[in-house]
Amino acid sequence: MLDLLLADGSGTATSLSERLPVTRQAVAKHLAVLDRVGLVHATAAGREKQFRVDQVRLARAVAQLAEVGAAWDARLQRIKRIAETISRTQESRSPDR
């Protein structure tokens, strides 16, 4: 949905639902959530609302998610190294060797 809004510059729940495999009502609910958290802004456009992405807030959210992702990648790498060490230790103690 954000990709479509960014590509088109703006869109309504109706115009977006025509391009997505979900109902207009589902799109409207998603847009309401995105509006509530400030990632999109709505302006009246006749009987509908026209939504536009707040690119500054989106960039901030992407940066925060990247930080979280990097922290989890580091944690998972540490867990992997610990698991590999345990596995090597168990293999070296195995009576089959």
C-alpha atoms as a PDB file:
ATOM      1  CA  MET A   1       0.000   0.000   0.000  1.00  0.00           C
ATOM      2  CA  LEU A   2       2.800   2.393   0.887  1.00  0.00           C
ATOM      3  CA  ASP A   3       4.620   1.417  -2.300  1.00  0.00           C
ATOM      4  CA  LEU A   4       1.561   2.279  -4.373  1.00  0.00           C
ATOM      5  CA  LEU A   5       1.100   5.596  -2.605  1.00  0.00           C
ATOM      6  CA  LEU A   6       4.766   6.447  -3.085  1.00  0.00           C
ATOM      7  CA  ALA A   7       4.690   5.460  -6.754  1.00  0.00           C
ATOM      8  CA  ASP A   8       1.507   7.393  -7.497  1.00  0.00           C
ATOM      9  CA  GLY A   9       2.075  10.299  -5.122  1.00  0.00           C
ATOM     10  CA  SER A  10      -1.308   9.784  -3.490  1.00  0.00           C
ATOM     11  CA  GLY A  11      -4.398   7.616  -3.591  1.00  0.00           C
ATOM     12  CA  THR A  12      -7.813   6.900  -2.154  1.00  0.00           C
ATOM     13  CA  ALA A  13      -9.052   3.736  -0.504  1.00  0.00           C
ATOM     14  CA  THR A  14     -11.018   3.001  -3.670  1.00  0.00           C
ATOM     15  CA  SER A  15      -8.113   3.537  -6.073  1.00  0.00           C
ATOM     16  CA  LEU A  16      -5.798   1.428  -3.920  1.00  0.00           C
ATOM     17  CA  SER A  17      -8.304  -1.395  -3.439  1.00  0.00           C
ATOM     18  CA  GLU A  18      -8.634  -1.701  -7.225  1.00  0.00           C
ATOM     19  CA  ARG A  19      -4.934  -2.599  -7.348  1.00  0.00           C
ATOM     20  CA  LEU A  20      -4.731  -4.792  -4.242  1.00  0.00           C
ATOM     21  CA  PRO A  21      -6.238  -8.206  -3.478  1.00  0.00           C
ATOM     22  CA  VAL A  22      -8.261  -6.849  -0.542  1.00  0.00           C
ATOM     23  CA  THR A  23     -11.550  -5.033  -0.104  1.00  0.00           C
ATOM     24  CA  ARG A  24     -11.960  -1.285  -0.061  1.00  0.00           C
ATOM     25  CA  GLN A  25     -13.000  -1.543   3.595  1.00  0.00           C
ATOM     26  CA  ALA A  26      -9.765  -3.371   4.474  1.00  0.00           C
ATOM     27  CA  VAL A  27      -7.719  -0.746   2.634  1.00  0.00           C
ATOM     28  CA  ALA A  28      -9.597   2.045   4.436  1.00  0.00           C
ATOM     29  CA  LYS A  29      -8.858   0.430   7.808  1.00  0.00           C
ATOM     30  CA  HIS A  30      -5.160   0.099   6.977  1.00  0.00           C
ATOM     31  CA  LEU A  31      -5.017   3.690   5.793  1.00  0.00           C
ATOM     32  CA  ALA A  32      -6.697   4.839   9.012  1.00  0.00           C
ATOM     33  CA  VAL A  33      -4.001   3.089  11.048  1.00  0.00           C
ATOM     34  CA  LEU A  34      -1.225   4.547   8.893  1.00  0.00           C
ATOM     35  CA  ASP A  35      -2.832   7.980   9.298  1.00  0.00           C
ATOM     36  CA  ARG A  36      -3.116   7.564  13.062  1.00  0.00           C
ATOM     37  CA  VAL A  37       0.611   6.780  13.382  1.00  0.00           C
ATOM     38  CA  GLY A  38       1.549   9.612  11.032  1.00  0.00           C
ATOM     39  CA  LEU A  39       2.945   7.624   8.101  1.00  0.00           C
ATOM     40  CA  VAL A  40       0.271   9.013   5.775  1.00  0.00           C
ATOM     41  CA  HIS A  41      -1.838  12.149   5.804  1.00  0.00           C
ATOM     42  CA  ALA A  42      -5.395  12.430   4.523  1.00  0.00           C
ATOM     43  CA  THR A  43      -7.069  15.361   2.819  1.00  0.00           C
ATOM     44  CA  ALA A  44     -10.691  15.565   1.734  1.00  0.00           C
ATOM     45  CA  ALA A  45     -11.228  14.801  -1.941  1.00  0.00           C
ATOM     46  CA  GLY A  46     -14.932  14.938  -2.611  1.00  0.00           C
ATOM     47  CA  ARG A  47     -16.624  11.983  -0.937  1.00  0.00           C
ATOM     48  CA  GLU A  48     -13.309  10.264  -0.248  1.00  0.00           C
ATOM     49  CA  LYS A  49     -10.010  11.014   1.399  1.00  0.00           C
ATOM     50  CA  GLN A  50      -6.824  11.382  -0.584  1.00  0.00           C
ATOM     51  CA  PHE A  51      -3.838   9.831   1.216  1.00  0.00           C
ATOM     52  CA  ARG A  52      -0.223  10.904   0.808  1.00  0.00           C
ATOM     53  CA  VAL A  53       2.851   9.331   2.440  1.00  0.00           C
ATOM     54  CA  ASP A  54       4.788  11.422   4.981  1.00  0.00           C
ATOM     55  CA  GLN A  55       8.223  10.614   3.601  1.00  0.00           C
ATOM     56  CA  VAL A  56      10.090  12.077   6.581  1.00  0.00           C
ATOM     57  CA  ARG A  57       8.235   9.871   9.063  1.00  0.00           C
ATOM     58  CA  LEU A  58       8.526   6.864   6.778  1.00  0.00           C
ATOM     59  CA  ALA A  59      12.300   7.375   6.523  1.00  0.00           C
ATOM     60  CA  ARG A  60      12.494   7.629  10.314  1.00  0.00           C
ATOM     61  CA  ALA A  61      10.497   4.399  10.710  1.00  0.00           C
ATOM     62  CA  VAL A  62      12.691   2.607   8.156  1.00  0.00           C
ATOM     63  CA  ALA A  63      15.820   3.733  10.009  1.00  0.00           C
ATOM     64  CA  GLN A  64      14.437   2.485  13.320  1.00  0.00           C
ATOM     65  CA  LEU A  65      13.474  -0.859  11.799  1.00  0.00           C
ATOM     66  CA  ALA A  66      16.951  -1.171  10.285  1.00  0.00           C
ATOM     67  CA  GLU A  67      18.480  -0.607  13.732  1.00  0.00           C
ATOM     68  CA  VAL A  68      16.229  -3.252  15.265  1.00  0.00           C
ATOM     69  CA  GLY A  69      17.064  -5.628  12.405  1.00  0.00           C
ATOM     70  CA  ALA A  70      20.797  -5.072  12.854  1.00  0.00           C
ATOM     71  CA  ALA A  71      20.541  -5.704  16.599  1.00  0.00           C
ATOM     72  CA  TRP A  72      18.657  -8.955  15.991  1.00  0.00           C
ATOM     73  CA  ASP A  73      21.146 -10.016  13.314  1.00  0.00           C
ATOM     74  CA  ALA A  74      23.970  -9.539  15.822  1.00  0.00           C
ATOM     75  CA  ARG A  75      22.096 -11.530  18.485  1.00  0.00           C
ATOM     76  CA  LEU A  76      21.353 -14.352  16.074  1.00  0.00           C
ATOM     77  CA  GLN A  77      24.999 -14.458  14.972  1.00  0.00           C
ATOM     78  CA  ARG A  78      26.063 -14.814  18.630  1.00  0.00           C
ATOM     79  CA  ILE A  79      23.527 -17.610  19.163  1.00  0.00           C
ATOM     80  CA  LYS A  80      24.781 -19.351  16.010  1.00  0.00           C
ATOM     81  CA  ARG A  81      28.411 -19.150  17.194  1.00  0.00           C
ATOM     82  CA  ILE A  82      27.443 -20.540  20.615  1.00  0.00           C
ATOM     83  CA  ALA A  83      25.463 -23.382  19.018  1.00  0.00           C
ATOM     84  CA  GLU A  84      28.360 -24.210  16.702  1.00  0.00           C
ATOM     85  CA  THR A  85      30.788 -24.236  19.636  1.00  0.00           C
ATOM     86  CA  ILE A  86      28.502 -26.549  21.612  1.00  0.00           C
ATOM     87  CA  SER A  87      28.124 -28.825  18.585  1.00  0.00           C
ATOM     88  CA  ARG A  88      31.896 -29.012  18.029  1.00  0.00           C
ATOM     89  CA  THR A  89      32.466 -29.719  21.720  1.00  0.00           C
ATOM     90  CA  GLN A  90      29.887 -32.520  21.717  1.00  0.00           C
ATOM     91  CA  GLU A  91      31.333 -34.017  18.543  1.00  0.00           C
ATOM     92  CA  SER A  92      34.850 -34.028  19.986  1.00  0.00           C
ATOM     93  CA  ARG A  93      33.612 -35.800  23.147  1.00  0.00           C
ATOM     94  CA  SER A  94      31.586 -38.348  21.206  1.00  0.00           C
ATOM     95  CA  PRO A  95      32.748 -41.969  21.847  1.00  0.00           C
ATOM     96  CA  ASP A  96      32.531 -42.643  18.086  1.00  0.00           C
ATOM     97  CA  ARG A  97      35.627 -40.561  17.480  1.00  0.00           C
END
